[in-house]
Amino acid sequence: MHDTLIEQIREALGQHGRAMNVRRIPALIEGLHPSDLAVILDELTLPEAERVFSLIDDVHAAEALSQVSPETNRHLVETTPTRRMLAMLRRLPMDEAAEVVAEAGDEGKRLLSLMPEPSARDVEQLLEYPEKTAGRLMTTKFAAVPTGTTVGRAIEYLRAVAPSVETVTTIYVLDSAQQLAGVCSIRDLLLATPDVSVDSIMTREVITVAPETDQQDAARLIGHYDLLAIPVVNGGGRLVGIVTVDDVLDVLSEEFNEDYAGLVGSDAAEMDRRTPAQVARLRLPWLMGTMAIELCAGVIIARFDGVLREVILLASFMPVISAVSGNVGLQAAAIVVRGLDTGHVSLDNWAHAVRRELTTALTIALVAGVSLAIVAVVWSRHVPFGIVVGVSMTCAIIAAGVMGTVIPMLSKRLGFDPAATAGPFETAFQDVIGFTVFLWLASLLAHWLV
């Protein structure tokens, strides 16, 4: 559906040589959910997204703006008139407004300085917390009553504040120091008699998180305990906000997309939006590094050119050793990258991951090495030739497995994308090690190979 609609929008914008007919666009996007609008804006080029965004009404534009990618968000914030952008920010929940402002960079800071109080103050408070934490994700618009409040008064309070709070499914009970004393669900209130105090029906053992808690950990707690919202309390036990389940769903969706993008080595949608020159700049450094390492393998081959000329059959097995060991390394790298993304592999337990992969690679190496050695003996009719090939294959596979495990973790530690760096470097290193062992052994046993 989106592909067809995007094509129609581009035609209306004057693409494919057709006359411009921008007036068709509001009719094309009418009735679309803001989430679908956000997907379309992300798929369009930035100039196209800018023109379409200007034709969306403020209500839907604001909701779509909070869901677009950071790059699209920055461009739209920078190109939208200030008055309209401020009006849209006022329509957003404070946590979504804070996200829009944070992603917009310097322009977001300028807009924040122009926002009226108390909205600006609320957004500034959220921005004080680190990114991807419960504090940045929470909202301070929650329903709370003091201890001793009757159920009847609490229900009247909920009716009064319902339009301005994030959720009315839960009401929080605070003591005189604004510390969280307990929580009541709307179900608890409706089942209790009006003159009963909320103290007698509230749940006192409350699952909470700190503002600095990672947003993924907050999401896991909400899912584990089937909560509709989780309170955020500071070090003194004071309730400072809540994280709701709808925000958690956004987090889980975002994390899933990031994990998937990491497994394939890059964000495909983001790469599609870049120019070929930009994509080349991102990929060239790692490929040039690989070229430099592979040149070392070339130097090693040149160093042993004499034995290659003497036993030409050796050259027939070099591609086999390189290909098989390279695939072992790529498999190991893929497993480690996936583990880093899902949390099953961490930099703290790197030694365990290396030991595990070393054991796996050793098993594979022995089977593959013996198999190739048998083929080499049958082909050359010389047992020493089979020994050289088999030992070389074994060493190359073990080296590839270790490199495929270590390089992604080292890249992660240094702040690089493990998926982008693991493949090229692992392949290059195992070629150097495999060819060195292969040709060195061949030179030692040269007089037995012919």
Protein backbone atom coordinates (compact mmCIF):
# COMPACT_ATOMS: atom_id res chain seq x y z
CA MET A 1 0.00 0.00 0.00
CA HIS A 2 2.75 2.46 0.94
CA ASP A 3 4.72 1.87 -2.27
CA THR A 4 1.74 2.67 -4.48
CA LEU A 5 0.84 5.74 -2.45
CA ILE A 6 4.41 7.02 -2.46
CA GLU A 7 4.49 6.64 -6.23
CA GLN A 8 1.27 8.64 -6.52
CA ILE A 9 2.65 11.34 -4.21
CA ARG A 10 5.80 11.63 -6.27
CA GLU A 11 3.75 11.94 -9.44
CA ALA A 12 1.75 14.74 -7.83
CA LEU A 13 4.99 16.47 -6.86
CA GLY A 14 6.00 16.56 -10.50
CA GLN A 15 8.18 13.45 -10.71
CA HIS A 16 8.55 11.27 -13.83
CA GLY A 17 8.14 14.28 -16.13
CA ARG A 18 4.50 14.92 -15.24
CA ALA A 19 3.01 18.31 -14.48
CA MET A 20 2.93 19.39 -10.90
CA ASN A 21 -0.40 18.83 -9.18
CA VAL A 22 0.31 19.27 -5.49
CA ARG A 23 -3.37 19.81 -4.75
CA ARG A 24 -3.88 16.05 -5.13
CA ILE A 25 -1.69 15.24 -2.13
CA PRO A 26 -4.11 16.15 0.71
CA ALA A 27 -6.71 13.87 -0.86
CA LEU A 28 -4.15 11.07 -1.21
CA ILE A 29 -3.11 11.16 2.45
CA GLU A 30 -6.52 11.98 3.91
CA GLY A 31 -7.54 9.55 6.63
CA LEU A 32 -4.08 8.02 7.01
CA HIS A 33 -2.96 7.18 10.53
CA PRO A 34 -0.04 9.35 11.75
CA SER A 35 2.13 6.22 11.92
CA ASP A 36 1.50 5.58 8.22
CA LEU A 37 2.24 9.23 7.47
CA ALA A 38 5.56 8.88 9.30
CA VAL A 39 6.48 5.81 7.22
CA ILE A 40 5.70 7.70 4.01
CA LEU A 41 7.70 10.76 5.08
CA ASP A 42 10.69 8.53 5.87
CA GLU A 43 10.49 6.80 2.49
CA LEU A 44 10.41 10.08 0.56
CA THR A 45 13.51 12.15 -0.06
CA LEU A 46 13.98 15.01 2.39
CA PRO A 47 12.82 17.73 -0.06
CA GLU A 48 9.76 15.60 -0.92
CA ALA A 49 8.99 14.99 2.75
CA GLU A 50 9.26 18.73 3.42
CA ARG A 51 6.67 19.57 0.75
CA VAL A 52 4.25 16.83 1.82
CA PHE A 53 4.62 17.76 5.50
CA SER A 54 3.60 21.35 4.72
CA LEU A 55 0.28 20.02 3.37
CA ILE A 56 -0.66 17.95 6.44
CA ASP A 57 -2.91 19.50 9.07
CA ASP A 58 -1.20 20.43 12.35
CA VAL A 59 -2.81 17.66 14.42
CA HIS A 60 -1.69 14.80 12.19
CA ALA A 61 1.60 16.52 11.34
CA ALA A 62 2.53 16.75 15.01
CA GLU A 63 1.82 13.08 15.64
CA ALA A 64 3.69 12.02 12.51
CA LEU A 65 6.66 14.22 13.43
CA SER A 66 7.11 12.36 16.71
CA GLN A 67 7.45 9.05 14.83
CA VAL A 68 9.71 9.85 11.89
CA SER A 69 13.41 9.02 11.78
CA PRO A 70 15.89 11.45 13.41
CA GLU A 71 17.18 12.60 10.01
CA THR A 72 13.68 13.37 8.73
CA ASN A 73 12.80 15.02 12.03
CA ARG A 74 15.78 17.38 11.87
CA HIS A 75 15.03 18.40 8.31
CA LEU A 76 11.33 19.03 8.96
CA VAL A 77 11.99 21.01 12.13
CA GLU A 78 14.57 23.16 10.33
CA THR A 79 12.36 23.87 7.31
CA THR A 80 8.96 24.33 8.99
CA PRO A 81 7.96 27.87 10.01
CA THR A 82 8.67 28.51 13.68
CA ARG A 83 5.10 29.45 14.58
CA ARG A 84 3.71 26.25 13.10
CA MET A 85 6.37 24.11 14.75
CA LEU A 86 5.67 25.62 18.18
CA ALA A 87 1.96 24.95 17.71
CA MET A 88 2.69 21.31 16.89
CA LEU A 89 4.99 20.89 19.90
CA ARG A 90 2.23 22.15 22.17
CA ARG A 91 -0.05 19.42 20.85
CA LEU A 92 2.38 16.61 21.65
CA PRO A 93 2.72 14.80 24.99
CA MET A 94 5.76 16.16 26.81
CA ASP A 95 7.85 13.01 26.32
CA GLU A 96 7.24 13.06 22.56
CA ALA A 97 7.91 16.81 22.43
CA ALA A 98 11.20 16.22 24.25
CA GLU A 99 12.17 13.55 21.72
CA VAL A 100 11.43 15.86 18.78
CA VAL A 101 13.43 18.69 20.35
CA ALA A 102 16.37 16.41 21.21
CA GLU A 103 16.60 14.96 17.69
CA ALA A 104 16.43 18.43 16.10
CA GLY A 105 19.77 19.54 17.58
CA ASP A 106 20.46 23.28 17.67
CA GLU A 107 17.14 24.15 16.03
CA GLY A 108 15.39 22.13 18.72
CA LYS A 109 17.16 24.14 21.42
CA ARG A 110 16.02 27.36 19.74
CA LEU A 111 12.43 26.15 19.66
CA LEU A 112 12.66 25.13 23.30
CA SER A 113 13.69 28.67 24.22
CA LEU A 114 10.55 29.98 22.46
CA MET A 115 8.10 27.52 24.04
CA PRO A 116 5.80 28.96 26.72
CA GLU A 117 5.93 27.91 30.35
CA PRO A 118 5.26 25.44 31.87
CA SER A 119 5.63 23.31 28.72
CA ALA A 120 9.24 24.40 28.20
CA ARG A 121 10.15 23.61 31.79
CA ASP A 122 8.58 20.13 31.57
CA VAL A 123 10.49 19.33 28.39
CA GLU A 124 13.75 20.69 29.84
CA GLN A 125 13.37 18.43 32.85
CA LEU A 126 13.09 15.36 30.64
CA LEU A 127 16.07 16.42 28.53
CA GLU A 128 18.23 16.54 31.65
CA TYR A 129 18.14 12.73 31.76
CA PRO A 130 20.42 10.68 29.46
CA GLU A 131 19.06 9.31 26.22
CA LYS A 132 17.46 5.85 26.24
CA THR A 133 16.66 6.02 29.96
CA ALA A 134 13.36 5.84 31.80
CA GLY A 135 13.77 9.49 32.77
CA ARG A 136 13.88 10.59 29.12
CA LEU A 137 10.95 8.30 28.25
CA MET A 138 8.63 9.18 31.13
CA THR A 139 5.87 11.74 31.41
CA THR A 140 5.14 13.87 34.47
CA LYS A 141 1.44 14.09 33.57
CA PHE A 142 0.07 11.40 35.87
CA ALA A 143 -2.85 11.13 38.29
CA ALA A 144 -1.88 11.25 41.96
CA VAL A 145 -3.74 11.81 45.23
CA PRO A 146 -2.49 12.18 48.81
CA THR A 147 -2.84 9.43 51.36
CA GLY A 148 -6.17 9.53 53.22
CA THR A 149 -8.16 10.49 50.12
CA THR A 150 -11.51 8.68 49.85
CA VAL A 151 -12.38 6.57 46.85
CA GLY A 152 -15.23 8.93 45.95
CA ARG A 153 -12.92 11.95 45.94
CA ALA A 154 -10.32 10.04 43.94
CA ILE A 155 -12.86 9.20 41.21
CA GLU A 156 -14.02 12.84 41.06
CA TYR A 157 -10.37 13.88 40.75
CA LEU A 158 -9.82 11.45 37.86
CA ARG A 159 -12.80 12.89 36.00
CA ALA A 160 -11.36 16.39 36.41
CA VAL A 161 -7.77 15.63 35.32
CA ALA A 162 -8.52 13.00 32.65
CA PRO A 163 -7.99 15.39 29.68
CA SER A 164 -4.54 16.49 30.90
CA VAL A 165 -2.89 13.29 32.18
CA GLU A 166 -1.27 10.50 30.18
CA THR A 167 -3.46 7.71 31.57
CA VAL A 168 -6.32 7.27 34.05
CA THR A 169 -5.97 3.50 34.37
CA THR A 170 -3.83 3.94 37.47
CA ILE A 171 -3.81 6.50 40.25
CA TYR A 172 -0.74 6.97 42.46
CA VAL A 173 -0.97 7.59 46.18
CA LEU A 174 1.64 9.97 47.64
CA ASP A 175 2.51 10.73 51.25
CA SER A 176 3.19 14.21 52.61
CA ALA A 177 6.76 14.14 51.28
CA GLN A 178 5.52 13.28 47.76
CA GLN A 179 6.96 9.81 48.13
CA LEU A 180 5.14 6.94 46.47
CA ALA A 181 3.05 5.12 49.08
CA GLY A 182 1.04 2.87 46.76
CA VAL A 183 -1.01 2.54 43.59
CA CYS A 184 -4.68 1.93 42.81
CA SER A 185 -6.09 0.75 39.51
CA ILE A 186 -9.32 2.14 38.16
CA ARG A 187 -10.78 -1.31 38.77
CA ASP A 188 -9.87 -1.09 42.47
CA LEU A 189 -11.61 2.28 42.74
CA LEU A 190 -14.78 1.18 40.97
CA LEU A 191 -15.15 -1.94 43.13
CA ALA A 192 -14.65 -0.07 46.44
CA THR A 193 -17.28 1.95 48.32
CA PRO A 194 -16.98 5.74 47.92
CA ASP A 195 -16.28 6.50 51.58
CA VAL A 196 -13.36 4.06 51.90
CA SER A 197 -9.84 5.51 51.98
CA VAL A 198 -7.56 4.68 49.09
CA ASP A 199 -4.99 3.65 51.71
CA SER A 200 -7.02 0.53 52.47
CA ILE A 201 -7.26 -0.69 48.86
CA MET A 202 -3.96 0.45 47.35
CA THR A 203 -1.10 -1.89 46.49
CA ARG A 204 1.85 -1.00 48.67
CA GLU A 205 4.47 -3.24 47.04
CA VAL A 206 5.04 -1.27 43.85
CA ILE A 207 7.40 -2.14 41.00
CA THR A 208 9.40 1.02 40.23
CA VAL A 209 12.41 2.16 38.23
CA ALA A 210 14.91 4.98 38.70
CA PRO A 211 15.18 7.82 36.15
CA GLU A 212 18.58 6.48 35.09
CA THR A 213 17.25 2.97 34.37
CA ASP A 214 17.82 1.87 30.78
CA GLN A 215 14.61 2.09 28.78
CA GLN A 216 14.93 -1.54 27.68
CA ASP A 217 15.04 -2.65 31.32
CA ALA A 218 11.92 -0.58 32.04
CA ALA A 219 10.23 -2.20 29.03
CA ARG A 220 11.13 -5.68 30.27
CA LEU A 221 9.68 -4.95 33.72
CA ILE A 222 6.41 -3.72 32.23
CA GLY A 223 6.18 -6.84 30.09
CA HIS A 224 7.22 -9.21 32.89
CA TYR A 225 4.71 -7.88 35.43
CA ASP A 226 1.93 -7.07 32.89
CA LEU A 227 1.85 -3.42 33.90
CA LEU A 228 0.06 -0.62 32.07
CA ALA A 229 2.56 1.90 33.45
CA ILE A 230 5.59 1.83 35.71
CA PRO A 231 6.36 4.65 38.16
CA VAL A 232 9.73 6.40 38.03
CA VAL A 233 11.06 7.38 41.47
CA ASN A 234 14.24 9.22 42.38
CA GLY A 235 16.75 8.26 45.05
CA GLY A 236 14.57 9.70 47.80
CA GLY A 237 11.53 7.68 46.79
CA ARG A 238 9.76 10.69 45.27
CA LEU A 239 7.54 9.98 42.27
CA VAL A 240 8.86 12.03 39.34
CA GLY A 241 7.01 10.43 36.42
CA ILE A 242 5.61 7.30 34.81
CA VAL A 243 6.49 5.24 31.75
CA THR A 244 3.40 3.93 29.98
CA VAL A 245 2.97 0.75 27.97
CA ASP A 246 2.48 2.62 24.68
CA ASP A 247 5.89 4.24 25.10
CA VAL A 248 7.36 0.82 25.84
CA LEU A 249 5.93 -0.59 22.61
CA ASP A 250 7.71 2.19 20.72
CA VAL A 251 10.96 1.30 22.49
CA LEU A 252 10.65 -2.39 21.69
CA SER A 253 9.84 -1.66 18.05
CA GLU A 254 12.80 0.72 17.78
CA GLU A 255 15.19 -1.73 19.42
CA PHE A 256 14.01 -4.55 17.18
CA ASN A 257 14.60 -2.46 14.06
CA GLU A 258 18.07 -1.51 15.30
CA ASP A 259 18.91 -5.13 16.06
CA TYR A 260 17.72 -6.26 12.65
CA ALA A 261 19.68 -3.50 10.95
CA GLY A 262 22.77 -4.55 12.90
CA LEU A 263 22.42 -8.16 11.78
CA VAL A 264 22.48 -7.20 8.11
CA GLY A 265 25.33 -4.77 8.66
CA SER A 266 23.52 -1.46 8.19
CA ASP A 267 20.21 0.29 8.28
CA ALA A 268 18.92 -0.44 4.77
CA ALA A 269 16.39 2.40 4.82
CA GLU A 270 19.01 4.85 6.02
CA MET A 271 21.47 3.68 3.35
CA ASP A 272 18.80 4.08 0.69
CA ARG A 273 18.43 7.74 1.65
CA ARG A 274 22.16 8.45 1.32
CA THR A 275 23.86 9.32 -1.93
CA PRO A 276 26.20 6.75 -3.52
CA ALA A 277 29.16 8.94 -2.53
CA GLN A 278 28.06 8.97 1.13
CA VAL A 279 27.60 5.20 1.18
CA ALA A 280 31.03 4.76 -0.40
CA ARG A 281 32.63 6.97 2.29
CA LEU A 282 31.09 4.77 5.00
CA ARG A 283 32.28 1.50 3.47
CA LEU A 284 35.62 2.40 1.92
CA PRO A 285 37.72 2.74 5.12
CA TRP A 286 37.06 -0.87 6.15
CA LEU A 287 37.62 -2.17 2.63
CA MET A 288 40.87 -0.23 2.29
CA GLY A 289 42.02 -1.69 5.61
CA THR A 290 41.16 -5.15 4.31
CA MET A 291 43.12 -4.47 1.14
CA ALA A 292 46.18 -3.53 3.18
CA ILE A 293 45.99 -6.76 5.19
CA GLU A 294 45.41 -8.87 2.08
CA LEU A 295 48.52 -7.29 0.54
CA CYS A 296 50.41 -8.89 3.42
CA ALA A 297 49.03 -12.22 2.22
CA GLY A 298 50.29 -11.32 -1.25
CA VAL A 299 53.75 -10.64 0.14
CA ILE A 300 53.74 -14.03 1.85
CA ILE A 301 52.73 -15.80 -1.37
CA ALA A 302 55.49 -13.97 -3.26
CA ARG A 303 57.96 -14.97 -0.56
CA PHE A 304 57.19 -18.64 -1.22
CA ASP A 305 56.87 -18.44 -5.00
CA GLY A 306 59.65 -20.96 -5.38
CA VAL A 307 57.77 -23.78 -3.68
CA LEU A 308 54.63 -22.87 -5.62
CA ARG A 309 56.50 -23.18 -8.90
CA GLU A 310 57.98 -26.46 -7.76
CA VAL A 311 54.67 -27.93 -6.54
CA ILE A 312 52.03 -26.27 -8.70
CA LEU A 313 49.27 -28.40 -7.16
CA LEU A 314 49.56 -26.30 -3.98
CA ALA A 315 47.83 -23.41 -5.78
CA SER A 316 44.75 -25.57 -6.36
CA PHE A 317 44.12 -25.92 -2.62
CA MET A 318 44.68 -22.27 -1.62
CA PRO A 319 41.16 -21.11 -2.70
CA VAL A 320 39.59 -24.04 -0.82
CA ILE A 321 41.41 -23.19 2.41
CA SER A 322 40.55 -19.51 2.05
CA ALA A 323 36.86 -20.09 1.25
CA VAL A 324 36.11 -22.67 3.95
CA SER A 325 37.96 -20.86 6.73
CA GLY A 326 36.47 -17.55 5.62
CA ASN A 327 32.95 -18.91 5.92
CA VAL A 328 33.69 -20.31 9.38
CA GLY A 329 34.84 -16.85 10.42
CA LEU A 330 31.77 -15.17 8.93
CA GLN A 331 29.50 -17.62 10.75
CA ALA A 332 31.26 -16.87 14.04
CA ALA A 333 31.06 -13.12 13.40
CA ALA A 334 27.33 -13.31 12.60
CA ILE A 335 26.63 -15.24 15.81
CA VAL A 336 28.60 -12.74 17.92
CA VAL A 337 27.00 -9.69 16.27
CA ARG A 338 23.55 -11.16 16.87
CA GLY A 339 24.50 -11.97 20.46
CA LEU A 340 25.76 -8.43 21.06
CA ASP A 341 22.49 -7.02 19.74
CA THR A 342 20.25 -9.33 21.78
CA GLY A 343 22.33 -9.20 24.95
CA HIS A 344 23.32 -12.89 24.91
CA VAL A 345 26.93 -11.86 24.36
CA SER A 346 28.45 -8.98 26.30
CA LEU A 347 31.86 -7.38 26.43
CA ASP A 348 32.12 -8.44 30.07
CA ASN A 349 31.99 -12.17 29.22
CA TRP A 350 34.26 -12.00 26.15
CA ALA A 351 36.52 -14.77 27.43
CA HIS A 352 33.60 -17.21 27.65
CA ALA A 353 32.52 -16.36 24.09
CA VAL A 354 36.07 -16.86 22.77
CA ARG A 355 36.48 -20.21 24.57
CA ARG A 356 33.15 -21.43 23.27
CA GLU A 357 33.91 -20.47 19.67
CA LEU A 358 37.45 -21.86 19.93
CA THR A 359 36.02 -25.24 20.93
CA THR A 360 33.48 -25.11 18.10
CA ALA A 361 36.09 -24.01 15.55
CA LEU A 362 38.48 -26.77 16.68
CA THR A 363 35.82 -29.42 16.08
CA ILE A 364 35.02 -28.02 12.64
CA ALA A 365 38.72 -27.66 11.84
CA LEU A 366 39.54 -31.27 12.63
CA VAL A 367 36.68 -32.62 10.51
CA ALA A 368 37.38 -30.29 7.57
CA GLY A 369 41.15 -30.65 7.88
CA VAL A 370 41.07 -34.45 7.85
CA SER A 371 38.58 -34.49 4.96
CA LEU A 372 40.66 -32.14 2.81
CA ALA A 373 43.85 -33.99 3.73
CA ILE A 374 42.36 -37.24 2.40
CA VAL A 375 41.39 -35.50 -0.84
CA ALA A 376 44.91 -34.04 -1.13
CA VAL A 377 46.56 -37.45 -0.58
CA VAL A 378 44.37 -39.10 -3.21
CA TRP A 379 44.93 -36.26 -5.67
CA SER A 380 48.72 -35.89 -5.20
CA ARG A 381 49.51 -39.49 -4.21
CA HIS A 382 51.83 -38.09 -1.52
CA VAL A 383 50.97 -38.38 2.20
CA PRO A 384 53.14 -35.37 3.19
CA PHE A 385 51.13 -33.26 0.74
CA GLY A 386 47.93 -34.27 2.54
CA ILE A 387 49.51 -33.41 5.91
CA VAL A 388 50.43 -29.92 4.70
CA VAL A 389 46.94 -29.28 3.36
CA GLY A 390 45.15 -30.74 6.38
CA VAL A 391 47.23 -28.89 8.99
CA SER A 392 46.90 -25.63 7.07
CA MET A 393 43.12 -26.00 6.83
CA THR A 394 42.93 -26.75 10.55
CA CYS A 395 45.01 -23.71 11.53
CA ALA A 396 43.13 -21.40 9.14
CA ILE A 397 39.72 -22.44 10.49
CA ILE A 398 40.78 -22.04 14.13
CA ALA A 399 42.24 -18.61 13.37
CA ALA A 400 39.08 -17.61 11.47
CA GLY A 401 36.80 -18.72 14.32
CA VAL A 402 38.79 -16.76 16.90
CA MET A 403 39.02 -13.68 14.68
CA GLY A 404 35.32 -13.85 13.89
CA THR A 405 34.62 -13.80 17.63
CA VAL A 406 37.18 -11.25 18.79
CA ILE A 407 36.92 -8.62 16.02
CA PRO A 408 33.17 -7.84 16.51
CA MET A 409 33.66 -7.44 20.27
CA LEU A 410 36.76 -5.30 19.77
CA SER A 411 34.85 -3.15 17.26
CA LYS A 412 32.00 -2.75 19.74
CA ARG A 413 34.45 -1.73 22.47
CA LEU A 414 36.00 0.90 20.18
CA GLY A 415 32.60 2.30 19.19
CA PHE A 416 32.45 0.96 15.61
CA ASP A 417 29.66 -1.04 13.98
CA PRO A 418 30.60 -4.72 14.58
CA ALA A 419 28.61 -5.92 11.57
CA ALA A 420 30.41 -3.54 9.21
CA THR A 421 33.94 -4.34 10.40
CA ALA A 422 33.82 -8.03 11.31
CA GLY A 423 33.52 -9.56 7.84
CA PRO A 424 36.30 -7.70 6.00
CA PHE A 425 38.93 -7.89 8.75
CA GLU A 426 38.16 -11.49 9.71
CA THR A 427 38.53 -12.63 6.11
CA ALA A 428 41.81 -10.77 5.66
CA PHE A 429 43.41 -12.04 8.87
CA GLN A 430 42.50 -15.67 8.26
CA ASP A 431 43.94 -15.45 4.73
CA VAL A 432 47.24 -14.18 6.10
CA ILE A 433 47.44 -16.87 8.79
CA GLY A 434 46.18 -19.71 6.56
CA PHE A 435 48.50 -18.96 3.65
CA THR A 436 51.49 -18.47 5.97
CA VAL A 437 51.06 -21.87 7.62
CA PHE A 438 50.28 -23.55 4.30
CA LEU A 439 53.27 -22.26 2.38
CA TRP A 440 55.70 -22.47 5.33
CA LEU A 441 54.89 -26.16 5.86
CA ALA A 442 55.08 -26.76 2.11
CA SER A 443 58.54 -25.21 1.99
CA LEU A 444 59.72 -27.40 4.89
CA LEU A 445 58.42 -30.58 3.25
CA ALA A 446 59.02 -29.57 -0.35
CA HIS A 447 61.36 -32.45 -1.17
CA TRP A 448 58.67 -34.95 -0.05
CA LEU A 449 55.84 -33.36 -2.02
CA VAL A 450 57.07 -34.27 -5.47
